[in-house]
PDB file of N, CA and C in Angstrom:
ATOM      1  N   MET A   1       5.760  -6.735  10.841  1.00  0.00           N
ATOM      2  CA  MET A   1       4.510  -7.729  10.407  1.00  0.00           C
ATOM      3  C   MET A   1       3.560  -7.901  10.825  1.00  0.00           C
ATOM      4  N   GLY A   2       2.734  -7.946   9.755  1.00  0.00           N
ATOM      5  CA  GLY A   2       1.283  -7.673  10.076  1.00  0.00           C
ATOM      6  C   GLY A   2       0.818  -6.174  11.031  1.00  0.00           C
ATOM      7  N   GLU A   3       0.952  -5.049  11.845  1.00  0.00           N
ATOM      8  CA  GLU A   3       0.606  -4.424  10.762  1.00  0.00           C
ATOM      9  C   GLU A   3      -0.084  -3.792   9.971  1.00  0.00           C
ATOM     10  N   PHE A   4      -1.468  -2.659  10.418  1.00  0.00           N
ATOM     11  CA  PHE A   4      -1.518  -2.228   9.217  1.00  0.00           C
ATOM     12  C   PHE A   4      -1.908  -0.984   8.769  1.00  0.00           C
ATOM     13  N   VAL A   5      -1.413  -0.852   7.445  1.00  0.00           N
ATOM     14  CA  VAL A   5      -0.867   0.856   7.211  1.00  0.00           C
ATOM     15  C   VAL A   5      -2.765   1.636   5.783  1.00  0.00           C
ATOM     16  N   ASN A   6      -2.324   2.995   5.712  1.00  0.00           N
ATOM     17  CA  ASN A   6      -2.816   3.476   4.967  1.00  0.00           C
ATOM     18  C   ASN A   6      -2.846   4.200   3.964  1.00  0.00           C
ATOM     19  N   ILE A   7      -3.465   4.094   2.954  1.00  0.00           N
ATOM     20  CA  ILE A   7      -2.466   4.776   1.824  1.00  0.00           C
ATOM     21  C   ILE A   7      -3.664   5.855   1.238  1.00  0.00           C
ATOM     22  N   ILE A   8      -3.342   6.141   0.515  1.00  0.00           N
ATOM     23  CA  ILE A   8      -4.209   7.787  -0.321  1.00  0.00           C
ATOM     24  C   ILE A   8      -3.799   7.689  -1.714  1.00  0.00           C
ATOM     25  N   GLN A   9      -4.390   7.626  -2.569  1.00  0.00           N
ATOM     26  CA  GLN A   9      -4.093   7.379  -3.364  1.00  0.00           C
ATOM     27  C   GLN A   9      -5.305   8.310  -5.212  1.00  0.00           C
ATOM     28  N   HIS A  10      -4.343   8.723  -5.935  1.00  0.00           N
ATOM     29  CA  HIS A  10      -5.073   8.945  -7.394  1.00  0.00           C
ATOM     30  C   HIS A  10      -5.118   8.116  -8.023  1.00  0.00           C
ATOM     31  N   PRO A  11      -4.844   6.348  -8.213  1.00  0.00           N
ATOM     32  CA  PRO A  11      -5.307   5.843  -9.222  1.00  0.00           C
ATOM     33  C   PRO A  11      -5.046   6.375 -10.987  1.00  0.00           C
ATOM     34  N   ARG A  12      -4.291   6.147 -11.633  1.00  0.00           N
ATOM     35  CA  ARG A  12      -4.289   6.486 -13.246  1.00  0.00           C
ATOM     36  C   ARG A  12      -5.114   8.106 -13.508  1.00  0.00           C
ATOM     37  N   GLY A  13      -4.861   9.261 -12.410  1.00  0.00           N
ATOM     38  CA  GLY A  13      -5.053  10.313 -11.948  1.00  0.00           C
ATOM     39  C   GLY A  13      -6.399  10.250 -11.281  1.00  0.00           C
ATOM     40  N   GLU A  14      -7.360   9.589 -11.932  1.00  0.00           N
ATOM     41  CA  GLU A  14      -8.998   8.856 -11.066  1.00  0.00           C
ATOM     42  C   GLU A  14      -8.504  10.305  -9.627  1.00  0.00           C
ATOM     43  N   PRO A  15      -9.963  10.820  -9.223  1.00  0.00           N
ATOM     44  CA  PRO A  15     -10.114  11.168  -8.397  1.00  0.00           C
ATOM     45  C   PRO A  15      -9.918  11.012  -6.719  1.00  0.00           C
ATOM     46  N   LYS A  16      -9.268  11.336  -5.508  1.00  0.00           N
ATOM     47  CA  LYS A  16      -8.449   9.924  -4.573  1.00  0.00           C
ATOM     48  C   LYS A  16      -9.534   9.566  -4.191  1.00  0.00           C
ATOM     49  N   GLN A  17      -8.814   8.442  -3.809  1.00  0.00           N
ATOM     50  CA  GLN A  17      -9.414   6.935  -3.130  1.00  0.00           C
ATOM     51  C   GLN A  17      -8.681   7.089  -1.760  1.00  0.00           C
ATOM     52  N   LEU A  18      -9.497   6.552  -1.267  1.00  0.00           N
ATOM     53  CA  LEU A  18      -8.203   5.785   0.400  1.00  0.00           C
ATOM     54  C   LEU A  18      -8.551   3.762   0.661  1.00  0.00           C
ATOM     55  N   SER A  19      -7.887   4.115   1.070  1.00  0.00           N
ATOM     56  CA  SER A  19      -7.371   2.660   1.088  1.00  0.00           C
ATOM     57  C   SER A  19      -7.216   2.605   3.103  1.00  0.00           C
ATOM     58  N   LEU A  20      -7.933   2.439   3.126  1.00  0.00           N
ATOM     59  CA  LEU A  20      -7.803   2.229   4.738  1.00  0.00           C
ATOM     60  C   LEU A  20      -8.023   0.921   5.362  1.00  0.00           C
ATOM     61  N   ARG A  21      -7.059   0.686   6.604  1.00  0.00           N
ATOM     62  CA  ARG A  21      -6.979  -0.458   7.393  1.00  0.00           C
ATOM     63  C   ARG A  21      -6.645  -2.004   6.993  1.00  0.00           C
ATOM     64  N   ASP A  22      -7.231  -1.781   5.575  1.00  0.00           N
ATOM     65  CA  ASP A  22      -7.157  -3.196   5.566  1.00  0.00           C
ATOM     66  C   ASP A  22      -6.029  -3.168   4.264  1.00  0.00           C
ATOM     67  N   ASN A  23      -5.136  -3.310   5.018  1.00  0.00           N
ATOM     68  CA  ASN A  23      -3.116  -3.010   4.403  1.00  0.00           C
ATOM     69  C   ASN A  23      -2.613  -3.240   6.118  1.00  0.00           C
ATOM     70  N   GLN A  24      -2.576  -5.329   5.136  1.00  0.00           N
ATOM     71  CA  GLN A  24      -1.573  -5.045   6.354  1.00  0.00           C
ATOM     72  C   GLN A  24      -0.620  -5.919   5.835  1.00  0.00           C
ATOM     73  N   ILE A  25       0.425  -5.043   6.045  1.00  0.00           N
ATOM     74  CA  ILE A  25       2.376  -5.859   6.413  1.00  0.00           C
ATOM     75  C   ILE A  25       1.967  -7.080   5.712  1.00  0.00           C
ATOM     76  N   VAL A  26       3.154  -7.969   4.301  1.00  0.00           N
ATOM     77  CA  VAL A  26       3.186  -9.175   5.560  1.00  0.00           C
ATOM     78  C   VAL A  26       4.359  -9.645   5.256  1.00  0.00           C
ATOM     79  N   ASP A  27       5.671  -8.451   5.025  1.00  0.00           N
ATOM     80  CA  ASP A  27       6.878  -8.952   4.709  1.00  0.00           C
ATOM     81  C   ASP A  27       7.301  -7.428   4.392  1.00  0.00           C
ATOM     82  N   ALA A  28       8.542  -8.272   5.074  1.00  0.00           N
ATOM     83  CA  ALA A  28       9.613  -6.017   6.072  1.00  0.00           C
ATOM     84  C   ALA A  28      10.854  -6.471   4.999  1.00  0.00           C
ATOM     85  N   LEU A  29      11.796  -5.616   4.163  1.00  0.00           N
ATOM     86  CA  LEU A  29      13.287  -6.240   4.454  1.00  0.00           C
ATOM     87  C   LEU A  29      13.657  -4.970   4.508  1.00  0.00           C
ATOM     88  N   GLU A  30      15.204  -4.832   3.851  1.00  0.00           N
ATOM     89  CA  GLU A  30      16.124  -3.597   4.110  1.00  0.00           C
ATOM     90  C   GLU A  30      15.270  -2.127   4.266  1.00  0.00           C
ATOM     91  N   ARG A  31      15.074  -2.658   2.823  1.00  0.00           N
ATOM     92  CA  ARG A  31      14.586  -1.343   2.022  1.00  0.00           C
ATOM     93  C   ARG A  31      13.153  -1.095   1.149  1.00  0.00           C
ATOM     94  N   PHE A  32      12.292  -1.947   1.714  1.00  0.00           N
ATOM     95  CA  PHE A  32      10.809  -2.563   0.939  1.00  0.00           C
ATOM     96  C   PHE A  32       9.594  -2.809   2.084  1.00  0.00           C
ATOM     97  N   LEU A  33       9.047  -3.287   2.232  1.00  0.00           N
ATOM     98  CA  LEU A  33       7.080  -3.377   2.873  1.00  0.00           C
ATOM     99  C   LEU A  33       7.122  -3.804   1.469  1.00  0.00           C
ATOM    100  N   HIS A  34       6.008  -5.154   2.199  1.00  0.00           N
ATOM    101  CA  HIS A  34       4.727  -6.365   1.273  1.00  0.00           C
ATOM    102  C   HIS A  34       3.854  -5.997   2.000  1.00  0.00           C
ATOM    103  N   TYR A  35       3.074  -4.739   1.229  1.00  0.00           N
ATOM    104  CA  TYR A  35       1.877  -5.394   2.014  1.00  0.00           C
ATOM    105  C   TYR A  35       0.670  -5.885   1.416  1.00  0.00           C
ATOM    106  N   GLU A  36      -0.521  -6.474   1.776  1.00  0.00           N
ATOM    107  CA  GLU A  36      -1.661  -6.573   0.606  1.00  0.00           C
ATOM    108  C   GLU A  36      -2.514  -5.546   0.850  1.00  0.00           C
ATOM    109  N   SER A  37      -2.533  -5.060  -0.457  1.00  0.00           N
ATOM    110  CA  SER A  37      -3.491  -4.081  -1.001  1.00  0.00           C
ATOM    111  C   SER A  37      -4.884  -4.467  -1.275  1.00  0.00           C
ATOM    112  N   ASP A  38      -5.771  -2.903  -1.491  1.00  0.00           N
ATOM    113  CA  ASP A  38      -6.656  -3.036  -2.233  1.00  0.00           C
ATOM    114  C   ASP A  38      -6.326  -1.802  -3.407  1.00  0.00           C
ATOM    115  N   THR A  39      -5.134  -1.264  -3.657  1.00  0.00           N
ATOM    116  CA  THR A  39      -4.352  -0.924  -4.403  1.00  0.00           C
ATOM    117  C   THR A  39      -4.834  -0.611  -5.770  1.00  0.00           C
ATOM    118  N   ARG A  40      -4.253   0.723  -6.282  1.00  0.00           N
ATOM    119  CA  ARG A  40      -4.711   0.232  -8.241  1.00  0.00           C
ATOM    120  C   ARG A  40      -3.594   0.396  -8.886  1.00  0.00           C
ATOM    121  N   GLU A  41      -3.186   0.153 -10.162  1.00  0.00           N
ATOM    122  CA  GLU A  41      -1.694   0.230 -10.642  1.00  0.00           C
ATOM    123  C   GLU A  41      -2.591   2.463 -11.320  1.00  0.00           C
ATOM    124  N   GLY A  42      -1.315   2.772 -11.939  1.00  0.00           N
ATOM    125  CA  GLY A  42      -1.153   4.196 -11.778  1.00  0.00           C
ATOM    126  C   GLY A  42      -1.280   4.755  -9.730  1.00  0.00           C
ATOM    127  N   SER A  43      -0.364   4.071  -8.864  1.00  0.00           N
ATOM    128  CA  SER A  43      -1.012   5.385  -7.887  1.00  0.00           C
ATOM    129  C   SER A  43       0.687   4.903  -7.344  1.00  0.00           C
ATOM    130  N   SER A  44       1.602   4.610  -8.058  1.00  0.00           N
ATOM    131  CA  SER A  44       2.721   4.756  -7.594  1.00  0.00           C
ATOM    132  C   SER A  44       3.573   6.235  -6.952  1.00  0.00           C
ATOM    133  N   GLY A  45       4.238   6.660  -6.019  1.00  0.00           N
ATOM    134  CA  GLY A  45       4.411   7.384  -5.800  1.00  0.00           C
ATOM    135  C   GLY A  45       3.559   7.948  -4.550  1.00  0.00           C
ATOM    136  N   SER A  46       2.016   7.273  -4.156  1.00  0.00           N
ATOM    137  CA  SER A  46       1.273   7.541  -3.212  1.00  0.00           C
ATOM    138  C   SER A  46       2.105   6.776  -1.645  1.00  0.00           C
ATOM    139  N   PRO A  47       1.378   8.184  -0.815  1.00  0.00           N
ATOM    140  CA  PRO A  47       2.399   8.626   0.771  1.00  0.00           C
ATOM    141  C   PRO A  47       0.993   6.918   1.714  1.00  0.00           C
ATOM    142  N   VAL A  48       1.724   5.862   2.198  1.00  0.00           N
ATOM    143  CA  VAL A  48       1.635   4.834   2.824  1.00  0.00           C
ATOM    144  C   VAL A  48       1.658   5.141   4.542  1.00  0.00           C
ATOM    145  N   PHE A  49       0.501   4.988   4.961  1.00  0.00           N
ATOM    146  CA  PHE A  49       0.564   5.571   6.802  1.00  0.00           C
ATOM    147  C   PHE A  49       1.043   4.562   7.325  1.00  0.00           C
ATOM    148  N   ASN A  50       1.535   4.750   8.835  1.00  0.00           N
ATOM    149  CA  ASN A  50       1.105   3.796   9.493  1.00  0.00           C
ATOM    150  C   ASN A  50      -0.184   4.721  10.307  1.00  0.00           C
ATOM    151  N   ASP A  51      -0.419   3.918  11.781  1.00  0.00           N
ATOM    152  CA  ASP A  51      -1.781   3.977  11.841  1.00  0.00           C
ATOM    153  C   ASP A  51      -1.945   5.836  12.776  1.00  0.00           C
ATOM    154  N   PRO A  52      -0.354   6.162  13.617  1.00  0.00           N
ATOM    155  CA  PRO A  52      -0.643   7.799  13.520  1.00  0.00           C
ATOM    156  C   PRO A  52       0.026   8.535  12.865  1.00  0.00           C
ATOM    157  N   TRP A  53      -0.034   8.376  11.407  1.00  0.00           N
ATOM    158  CA  TRP A  53      -0.314   8.980  10.104  1.00  0.00           C
ATOM    159  C   TRP A  53       0.964   9.356   9.499  1.00  0.00           C
ATOM    160  N   GLU A  54       2.477   8.444   9.745  1.00  0.00           N
ATOM    161  CA  GLU A  54       3.560   8.754   9.625  1.00  0.00           C
ATOM    162  C   GLU A  54       4.036   8.268   8.311  1.00  0.00           C
ATOM    163  N   VAL A  55       4.129   8.913   7.323  1.00  0.00           N
ATOM    164  CA  VAL A  55       4.865   8.642   6.703  1.00  0.00           C
ATOM    165  C   VAL A  55       5.695   7.074   5.911  1.00  0.00           C
ATOM    166  N   VAL A  56       5.340   6.173   6.002  1.00  0.00           N
ATOM    167  CA  VAL A  56       6.433   4.700   6.478  1.00  0.00           C
ATOM    168  C   VAL A  56       6.943   4.021   4.816  1.00  0.00           C
ATOM    169  N   ALA A  57       6.333   4.619   3.685  1.00  0.00           N
ATOM    170  CA  ALA A  57       6.492   4.107   2.683  1.00  0.00           C
ATOM    171  C   ALA A  57       5.671   3.965   1.118  1.00  0.00           C
ATOM    172  N   TRP A  58       6.087   4.544   0.289  1.00  0.00           N
ATOM    173  CA  TRP A  58       5.803   5.099  -1.299  1.00  0.00           C
ATOM    174  C   TRP A  58       5.181   4.168  -1.395  1.00  0.00           C
ATOM    175  N   TRP A  59       3.845   4.164  -2.476  1.00  0.00           N
ATOM    176  CA  TRP A  59       3.353   3.114  -3.049  1.00  0.00           C
ATOM    177  C   TRP A  59       4.775   3.036  -4.674  1.00  0.00           C
ATOM    178  N   ALA A  60       5.075   1.901  -4.399  1.00  0.00           N
ATOM    179  CA  ALA A  60       5.996   1.596  -5.626  1.00  0.00           C
ATOM    180  C   ALA A  60       6.175   1.144  -6.532  1.00  0.00           C
ATOM    181  N   SER A  61       5.505  -0.410  -6.386  1.00  0.00           N
ATOM    182  CA  SER A  61       5.448  -1.708  -7.477  1.00  0.00           C
ATOM    183  C   SER A  61       3.566  -2.122  -7.050  1.00  0.00           C
ATOM    184  N   THR A  62       3.384  -3.679  -7.647  1.00  0.00           N
ATOM    185  CA  THR A  62       2.027  -4.612  -7.513  1.00  0.00           C
ATOM    186  C   THR A  62       3.081  -6.053  -7.712  1.00  0.00           C
ATOM    187  N   ALA A  63       2.120  -6.218  -7.209  1.00  0.00           N
ATOM    188  CA  ALA A  63       2.132  -8.109  -7.325  1.00  0.00           C
ATOM    189  C   ALA A  63       0.877  -8.641  -7.072  1.00  0.00           C
ATOM    190  N   LEU A  64       0.260  -9.340  -8.027  1.00  0.00           N
ATOM    191  CA  LEU A  64      -0.628 -10.485  -7.400  1.00  0.00           C
ATOM    192  C   LEU A  64      -0.703 -11.725  -5.443  1.00  0.00           C
ATOM    193  N   GLY A  65      -0.991 -11.471  -5.044  1.00  0.00           N
ATOM    194  CA  GLY A  65      -0.569 -12.504  -3.754  1.00  0.00           C
ATOM    195  C   GLY A  65      -1.976 -12.913  -4.261  1.00  0.00           C
ATOM    196  N   ALA A  66      -2.187 -13.701  -2.629  1.00  0.00           N
ATOM    197  CA  ALA A  66      -3.437 -14.351  -2.994  1.00  0.00           C
ATOM    198  C   ALA A  66      -4.554 -14.850  -3.267  1.00  0.00           C
ATOM    199  N   GLY A  67      -5.310 -14.246  -3.543  1.00  0.00           N
ATOM    200  CA  GLY A  67      -6.143 -14.536  -3.108  1.00  0.00           C
ATOM    201  C   GLY A  67      -6.546 -13.253  -4.794  1.00  0.00           C
ATOM    202  N   GLY A  68      -5.565 -12.323  -5.302  1.00  0.00           N
ATOM    203  CA  GLY A  68      -5.692 -11.903  -5.902  1.00  0.00           C
ATOM    204  C   GLY A  68      -5.768 -10.145  -5.655  1.00  0.00           C
ATOM    205  N   ARG A  69      -5.580 -10.286  -4.154  1.00  0.00           N
ATOM    206  CA  ARG A  69      -5.532  -8.602  -3.303  1.00  0.00           C
ATOM    207  C   ARG A  69      -4.260  -8.788  -3.895  1.00  0.00           C
ATOM    208  N   THR A  70      -4.047  -7.545  -4.241  1.00  0.00           N
ATOM    209  CA  THR A  70      -2.808  -6.612  -3.840  1.00  0.00           C
ATOM    210  C   THR A  70      -0.967  -6.569  -3.347  1.00  0.00           C
ATOM    211  N   GLN A  71      -0.421  -7.153  -3.258  1.00  0.00           N
ATOM    212  CA  GLN A  71       0.467  -6.597  -2.377  1.00  0.00           C
ATOM    213  C   GLN A  71       1.475  -5.767  -3.606  1.00  0.00           C
ATOM    214  N   ALA A  72       2.644  -4.723  -2.681  1.00  0.00           N
ATOM    215  CA  ALA A  72       2.822  -3.163  -3.650  1.00  0.00           C
ATOM    216  C   ALA A  72       4.039  -3.349  -1.789  1.00  0.00           C
ATOM    217  N   ARG A  73       4.851  -2.199  -2.507  1.00  0.00           N
ATOM    218  CA  ARG A  73       6.696  -2.296  -2.225  1.00  0.00           C
ATOM    219  C   ARG A  73       6.562  -1.070  -2.311  1.00  0.00           C
TER     220      ARG A  73
END
């Protein structure tokens, strides 16, 4: 927890958008990572990368977190 991740997404089929470094992991369960991010709905299936650009998760769903920021898992 506390690590940061990077996400490359195409929300709703729109042009590619990058969400870099400002996506902090806030919880880690056996099969899910919860992180705060500025990703948008329609980005399901987007890869989630750690700092060395290894895939650590796939963007699957959202919930609003503190301050209205997205928490994805």
